[in-house]
Each structure stands twice: as structure tokens, then as C-alpha cells.
C-alpha atoms as a PDB file:
ATOM      1  CA  UNK A   1     227.875-107.384 -63.425  1.00  0.00           C
ATOM      2  CA  UNK A   2     225.112-106.574 -65.827  1.00  0.00           C
ATOM      3  CA  UNK A   3     227.182-103.901 -67.457  1.00  0.00           C
ATOM      4  CA  UNK A   4     230.345-106.173 -67.469  1.00  0.00           C
ATOM      5  CA  UNK A   5     228.348-109.033 -69.165  1.00  0.00           C
ATOM      6  CA  UNK A   6     226.940-106.678 -71.620  1.00  0.00           C
ATOM      7  CA  UNK A   7     230.208-104.921 -72.450  1.00  0.00           C
ATOM      8  CA  UNK A   8     232.116-108.585 -72.911  1.00  0.00           C
ATOM      9  CA  UNK A   9     229.522-109.739 -75.327  1.00  0.00           C
ATOM     10  CA  UNK A  10     229.632-106.446 -77.096  1.00  0.00           C
ATOM     11  CA  UNK A  11     233.447-106.487 -77.341  1.00  0.00           C
ATOM     12  CA  UNK A  12     233.637-110.151 -78.510  1.00  0.00           C
ATOM     13  CA  UNK A  13     233.564-110.896 -82.375  1.00  0.00           C
ATOM     14  CA  UNK A  14     231.445-113.777 -83.382  1.00  0.00           C
ATOM     15  CA  UNK A  15     232.406-115.664 -86.159  1.00  0.00           C
ATOM     16  CA  UNK A  16     229.242-116.912 -88.173  1.00  0.00           C
ATOM     17  CA  UNK A  17     229.722-119.992 -90.307  1.00  0.00           C
ATOM     18  CA  UNK A  18     233.385-118.944 -91.499  1.00  0.00           C
ATOM     19  CA  UNK A  19     232.104-115.389 -92.712  1.00  0.00           C
ATOM     20  CA  UNK A  20     233.344-112.214 -91.344  1.00  0.00           C
ATOM     21  CA  UNK A  21     233.051-111.699 -87.476  1.00  0.00           C
ATOM     22  CA  UNK A  22     229.758-110.123 -86.623  1.00  0.00           C
ATOM     23  CA  UNK A  23     229.188-107.973 -83.343  1.00  0.00           C
ATOM     24  CA  UNK A  24     225.818-108.634 -81.232  1.00  0.00           C
ATOM     25  CA  UNK A  25     224.656-107.267 -78.129  1.00  0.00           C
ATOM     26  CA  UNK A  26     222.355-108.628 -75.207  1.00  0.00           C
ATOM     27  CA  UNK A  27     220.386-106.732 -72.782  1.00  0.00           C
ATOM     28  CA  UNK A  28     219.886-108.038 -69.366  1.00  0.00           C
ATOM     29  CA  UNK A  29     217.639-106.956 -66.424  1.00  0.00           C
ATOM     30  CA  UNK A  30     218.195-107.592 -62.646  1.00  0.00           C
ATOM     31  CA  UNK A  31     216.389-107.344 -59.341  1.00  0.00           C
ATOM     32  CA  UNK A  32     217.672-107.791 -55.831  1.00  0.00           C
ATOM     33  CA  UNK A  33     215.820-109.417 -52.757  1.00  0.00           C
ATOM     34  CA  UNK A  34     214.513-107.821 -50.897  1.00  0.00           C
ATOM     35  CA  UNK A  35     214.922-104.287 -52.209  1.00  0.00           C
ATOM     36  CA  UNK A  36     213.221-104.716 -55.366  1.00  0.00           C
ATOM     37  CA  UNK A  37     210.604-107.345 -54.221  1.00  0.00           C
ATOM     38  CA  UNK A  38     210.021-110.206 -51.709  1.00  0.00           C
ATOM     39  CA  UNK A  39     208.300-112.750 -54.404  1.00  0.00           C
ATOM     40  CA  UNK A  40     209.590-114.537 -57.060  1.00  0.00           C
ATOM     41  CA  UNK A  41     206.954-112.870 -59.450  1.00  0.00           C
ATOM     42  CA  UNK A  42     207.831-109.553 -58.038  1.00  0.00           C
ATOM     43  CA  UNK A  43     211.366-109.783 -58.674  1.00  0.00           C
ATOM     44  CA  UNK A  44     210.828-111.261 -62.270  1.00  0.00           C
ATOM     45  CA  UNK A  45     208.650-108.313 -62.898  1.00  0.00           C
ATOM     46  CA  UNK A  46     211.271-105.740 -61.973  1.00  0.00           C
ATOM     47  CA  UNK A  47     214.031-107.669 -63.729  1.00  0.00           C
ATOM     48  CA  UNK A  48     212.075-107.956 -66.850  1.00  0.00           C
ATOM     49  CA  UNK A  49     211.082-104.223 -66.941  1.00  0.00           C
ATOM     50  CA  UNK A  50     214.806-103.151 -66.571  1.00  0.00           C
ATOM     51  CA  UNK A  51     215.606-105.671 -69.430  1.00  0.00           C
ATOM     52  CA  UNK A  52     213.121-103.677 -71.622  1.00  0.00           C
ATOM     53  CA  UNK A  53     214.329-100.396 -70.296  1.00  0.00           C
ATOM     54  CA  UNK A  54     218.011-101.436 -71.323  1.00  0.00           C
ATOM     55  CA  UNK A  55     216.704-102.430 -74.768  1.00  0.00           C
ATOM     56  CA  UNK A  56     214.837 -99.106 -75.129  1.00  0.00           C
ATOM     57  CA  UNK A  57     217.962 -97.048 -74.053  1.00  0.00           C
ATOM     58  CA  UNK A  58     220.215 -98.694 -76.604  1.00  0.00           C
ATOM     59  CA  UNK A  59     217.825 -98.082 -79.373  1.00  0.00           C
ATOM     60  CA  UNK A  60     217.233 -94.411 -78.330  1.00  0.00           C
ATOM     61  CA  UNK A  61     213.716 -94.951 -77.146  1.00  0.00           C
ATOM     62  CA  UNK A  62     212.455 -93.750 -73.745  1.00  0.00           C
ATOM     63  CA  UNK A  63     211.822 -96.211 -70.893  1.00  0.00           C
ATOM     64  CA  UNK A  64     208.199 -97.221 -70.554  1.00  0.00           C
ATOM     65  CA  UNK A  65     206.735 -95.053 -67.730  1.00  0.00           C
ATOM     66  CA  UNK A  66     204.385 -97.736 -66.779  1.00  0.00           C
ATOM     67  CA  UNK A  67     207.383 -99.601 -65.393  1.00  0.00           C
ATOM     68  CA  UNK A  68     207.638-103.119 -64.190  1.00  0.00           C
ATOM     69  CA  UNK A  69     203.801-104.045 -64.431  1.00  0.00           C
ATOM     70  CA  UNK A  70     203.459-103.328 -68.194  1.00  0.00           C
ATOM     71  CA  UNK A  71     205.113-106.527 -69.292  1.00  0.00           C
ATOM     72  CA  UNK A  72     203.046-108.843 -67.073  1.00  0.00           C
ATOM     73  CA  UNK A  73     199.461-107.955 -68.178  1.00  0.00           C
ATOM     74  CA  UNK A  74     198.937-107.986 -64.458  1.00  0.00           C
ATOM     75  CA  UNK A  75     198.537-104.664 -62.649  1.00  0.00           C
ATOM     76  CA  UNK A  76     198.736-106.230 -59.088  1.00  0.00           C
ATOM     77  CA  UNK A  77     202.153-107.543 -58.870  1.00  0.00           C
ATOM     78  CA  UNK A  78     203.243-106.415 -55.375  1.00  0.00           C
ATOM     79  CA  UNK A  79     206.845-105.792 -54.975  1.00  0.00           C
ATOM     80  CA  UNK A  80     206.994-106.149 -51.223  1.00  0.00           C
END
């Protein structure tokens, strides 16, 4: 579903104030219960990490090796 949404937005031409159509992109991250986490905080951490990995991939940067815990500033977000 994530890939389908990203592609649909990428393929749509958005008109900005009557000017030429512009192309935009979105990045989405997802997480599934219970595979990726059993708490709201854990699921949000995993989804956010995947969001930043998607952005990095689109720009040609490597994903963050610190993973999901890097964005939270908390090193103790349990995923299970």
C-alpha cells in the first residue's frame, strides 16, 4: 500500500496557482503489530525510521545504521 501511494502521488501532476503542473513526492513509513512492535511508541519508532530510510534511498544516501532508535533520542524503545 505504501508503494502504491508513493507512486500515485509521484504520477499525479499538481497545478500550483494556475502555473505549469509540478511533480511532488512523498515518503511513508509503516510498521505492523505485533511483528514490528507491541507498543504505540515502538510502532511509531519503527515507522518513523522506515520513513527516513525511504527519504535517504530516494536521495541516494545510505540508510541510517542506528535504525529506529536514532530519531527518538531515546535508546530504550523496546519493540516487543
